Amino acid sequence: MTEGFLQLAAEIFECPREALSLSTRRGSIPGWDSVNHLRLVMETERRFGVKYTLEQIPQLETLGDFTV
């Protein structure tokens, strides 16, 4: 599941999959802006069946924080 999530992030951020790991931080790649952050949240919820609260969303600072 982790590989699928990292591939999803690469698609949303429009970057090579190899550029991402679970330790990749928000703001460390140009594609991870506020709009794409919300896109990643929504698409992760849809594809992997997880749910994030409004309080959790701003605290997702690394890809590993998404815990899918």
N, C-alpha and C. Protein backbone atom coordinates (compact mmCIF):
# COMPACT_ATOMS: atom_id res chain seq x y z
N MET A 1 0.82 -1.19 0.00
CA MET A 1 0.00 0.00 0.00
C MET A 1 0.87 1.26 0.00
N THR A 2 2.01 1.21 0.67
CA THR A 2 2.89 2.38 0.71
C THR A 2 3.34 2.77 -0.68
N GLU A 3 3.69 1.80 -1.50
CA GLU A 3 4.15 2.12 -2.85
C GLU A 3 3.05 2.80 -3.65
N GLY A 4 1.83 2.31 -3.51
CA GLY A 4 0.70 2.93 -4.20
C GLY A 4 0.47 4.35 -3.75
N PHE A 5 0.63 4.60 -2.47
CA PHE A 5 0.47 5.95 -1.93
C PHE A 5 1.56 6.87 -2.46
N LEU A 6 2.80 6.40 -2.47
CA LEU A 6 3.90 7.24 -2.98
C LEU A 6 3.72 7.53 -4.47
N GLN A 7 3.20 6.57 -5.21
CA GLN A 7 2.91 6.80 -6.63
C GLN A 7 1.82 7.85 -6.79
N LEU A 8 0.80 7.79 -5.95
CA LEU A 8 -0.26 8.79 -5.96
C LEU A 8 0.32 10.18 -5.69
N ALA A 9 1.16 10.30 -4.68
CA ALA A 9 1.77 11.58 -4.34
C ALA A 9 2.60 12.10 -5.51
N ALA A 10 3.33 11.23 -6.18
CA ALA A 10 4.14 11.64 -7.33
C ALA A 10 3.25 12.18 -8.45
N GLU A 11 2.11 11.54 -8.66
CA GLU A 11 1.18 12.02 -9.69
C GLU A 11 0.64 13.40 -9.33
N ILE A 12 0.23 13.56 -8.10
CA ILE A 12 -0.35 14.84 -7.67
C ILE A 12 0.70 15.95 -7.68
N PHE A 13 1.89 15.65 -7.21
CA PHE A 13 2.95 16.66 -7.13
C PHE A 13 3.71 16.82 -8.45
N GLU A 14 3.38 15.97 -9.43
CA GLU A 14 4.03 16.01 -10.74
C GLU A 14 5.56 15.95 -10.61
N CYS A 15 6.01 14.90 -9.93
CA CYS A 15 7.44 14.68 -9.75
C CYS A 15 7.72 13.19 -9.89
N PRO A 16 8.99 12.81 -10.09
CA PRO A 16 9.31 11.38 -10.19
C PRO A 16 9.03 10.66 -8.87
N ARG A 17 8.52 9.47 -8.96
CA ARG A 17 8.26 8.66 -7.76
C ARG A 17 9.53 8.50 -6.93
N GLU A 18 10.67 8.37 -7.60
CA GLU A 18 11.95 8.16 -6.91
C GLU A 18 12.35 9.35 -6.05
N ALA A 19 11.76 10.50 -6.30
CA ALA A 19 12.08 11.70 -5.51
C ALA A 19 11.36 11.72 -4.16
N LEU A 20 10.46 10.76 -3.94
CA LEU A 20 9.63 10.76 -2.73
C LEU A 20 9.93 9.57 -1.83
N SER A 21 9.81 9.80 -0.54
CA SER A 21 9.86 8.73 0.47
C SER A 21 8.91 9.13 1.58
N LEU A 22 8.72 8.25 2.52
CA LEU A 22 7.83 8.58 3.64
C LEU A 22 8.35 9.74 4.48
N SER A 23 9.63 10.04 4.36
CA SER A 23 10.19 11.15 5.13
C SER A 23 10.15 12.48 4.37
N THR A 24 9.65 12.48 3.13
CA THR A 24 9.53 13.72 2.37
C THR A 24 8.60 14.67 3.11
N ARG A 25 9.09 15.91 3.32
CA ARG A 25 8.36 16.91 4.10
C ARG A 25 7.61 17.89 3.21
N ARG A 26 6.51 18.36 3.74
CA ARG A 26 5.74 19.41 3.08
C ARG A 26 6.65 20.61 2.83
N GLY A 27 6.62 21.13 1.63
CA GLY A 27 7.45 22.27 1.27
C GLY A 27 8.82 21.89 0.74
N SER A 28 9.18 20.61 0.81
CA SER A 28 10.51 20.19 0.35
C SER A 28 10.55 19.94 -1.16
N ILE A 29 9.38 19.85 -1.77
CA ILE A 29 9.31 19.72 -3.22
C ILE A 29 8.34 20.78 -3.75
N PRO A 30 8.62 21.36 -4.91
CA PRO A 30 7.81 22.46 -5.42
C PRO A 30 6.32 22.14 -5.59
N GLY A 31 5.99 20.92 -5.93
CA GLY A 31 4.61 20.56 -6.17
C GLY A 31 3.74 20.43 -4.93
N TRP A 32 4.34 20.43 -3.76
CA TRP A 32 3.55 20.24 -2.54
C TRP A 32 3.15 21.61 -1.99
N ASP A 33 2.14 22.17 -2.62
CA ASP A 33 1.60 23.44 -2.15
C ASP A 33 0.27 23.18 -1.45
N SER A 34 -0.41 24.23 -1.04
CA SER A 34 -1.64 24.06 -0.26
C SER A 34 -2.74 23.36 -1.05
N VAL A 35 -2.86 23.68 -2.32
CA VAL A 35 -3.89 23.05 -3.15
C VAL A 35 -3.60 21.57 -3.32
N ASN A 36 -2.36 21.23 -3.65
CA ASN A 36 -2.02 19.83 -3.83
C ASN A 36 -2.03 19.06 -2.51
N HIS A 37 -1.82 19.74 -1.41
CA HIS A 37 -1.94 19.09 -0.10
C HIS A 37 -3.38 18.59 0.07
N LEU A 38 -4.33 19.46 -0.22
CA LEU A 38 -5.74 19.05 -0.10
C LEU A 38 -6.11 18.00 -1.13
N ARG A 39 -5.56 18.09 -2.33
CA ARG A 39 -5.80 17.05 -3.33
C ARG A 39 -5.29 15.70 -2.85
N LEU A 40 -4.10 15.70 -2.23
CA LEU A 40 -3.54 14.45 -1.72
C LEU A 40 -4.40 13.89 -0.60
N VAL A 41 -4.87 14.74 0.28
CA VAL A 41 -5.76 14.29 1.37
C VAL A 41 -7.01 13.65 0.79
N MET A 42 -7.68 14.36 -0.11
CA MET A 42 -8.94 13.85 -0.65
C MET A 42 -8.76 12.57 -1.46
N GLU A 43 -7.71 12.52 -2.26
CA GLU A 43 -7.50 11.33 -3.08
C GLU A 43 -7.05 10.13 -2.24
N THR A 44 -6.29 10.39 -1.18
CA THR A 44 -5.90 9.32 -0.27
C THR A 44 -7.13 8.76 0.43
N GLU A 45 -8.01 9.63 0.85
CA GLU A 45 -9.25 9.16 1.49
C GLU A 45 -10.06 8.31 0.52
N ARG A 46 -10.16 8.77 -0.70
CA ARG A 46 -10.97 8.06 -1.69
C ARG A 46 -10.36 6.71 -2.08
N ARG A 47 -9.06 6.70 -2.37
CA ARG A 47 -8.43 5.46 -2.86
C ARG A 47 -8.15 4.44 -1.77
N PHE A 48 -7.81 4.92 -0.57
CA PHE A 48 -7.36 4.00 0.47
C PHE A 48 -8.35 3.85 1.62
N GLY A 49 -9.46 4.57 1.57
CA GLY A 49 -10.50 4.41 2.56
C GLY A 49 -10.17 4.94 3.95
N VAL A 50 -9.21 5.85 4.03
CA VAL A 50 -8.89 6.47 5.32
C VAL A 50 -9.65 7.78 5.43
N LYS A 51 -9.82 8.27 6.64
CA LYS A 51 -10.49 9.55 6.87
C LYS A 51 -9.64 10.40 7.79
N TYR A 52 -9.51 11.67 7.44
CA TYR A 52 -8.76 12.62 8.25
C TYR A 52 -9.73 13.66 8.79
N THR A 53 -9.55 14.04 10.04
CA THR A 53 -10.37 15.10 10.62
C THR A 53 -9.82 16.45 10.17
N LEU A 54 -10.62 17.48 10.33
CA LEU A 54 -10.15 18.83 10.00
C LEU A 54 -8.95 19.23 10.84
N GLU A 55 -8.84 18.69 12.04
CA GLU A 55 -7.70 18.99 12.90
C GLU A 55 -6.44 18.28 12.42
N GLN A 56 -6.59 17.11 11.83
CA GLN A 56 -5.44 16.33 11.36
C GLN A 56 -4.81 16.89 10.09
N ILE A 57 -5.62 17.42 9.20
CA ILE A 57 -5.13 17.80 7.87
C ILE A 57 -3.94 18.75 7.90
N PRO A 58 -3.96 19.83 8.69
CA PRO A 58 -2.78 20.70 8.70
C PRO A 58 -1.56 20.08 9.38
N GLN A 59 -1.76 19.01 10.12
CA GLN A 59 -0.65 18.37 10.83
C GLN A 59 0.05 17.31 9.98
N LEU A 60 -0.42 17.06 8.79
CA LEU A 60 0.20 16.09 7.89
C LEU A 60 1.40 16.77 7.24
N GLU A 61 2.55 16.67 7.89
CA GLU A 61 3.76 17.38 7.46
C GLU A 61 4.71 16.54 6.60
N THR A 62 4.65 15.23 6.73
CA THR A 62 5.47 14.35 5.91
C THR A 62 4.55 13.34 5.22
N LEU A 63 5.04 12.70 4.19
CA LEU A 63 4.21 11.67 3.54
C LEU A 63 3.94 10.53 4.51
N GLY A 64 4.88 10.26 5.39
CA GLY A 64 4.69 9.21 6.39
C GLY A 64 3.56 9.51 7.36
N ASP A 65 3.24 10.78 7.55
CA ASP A 65 2.14 11.16 8.44
C ASP A 65 0.79 10.69 7.92
N PHE A 66 0.71 10.40 6.64
CA PHE A 66 -0.56 9.97 6.06
C PHE A 66 -0.93 8.55 6.46
N THR A 67 0.02 7.75 6.90
CA THR A 67 -0.19 6.39 7.41
C THR A 67 -1.27 5.61 6.66
N VAL A 68 -0.97 5.32 5.40
CA VAL A 68 -1.91 4.49 4.62
C VAL A 68 -1.33 3.11 4.43
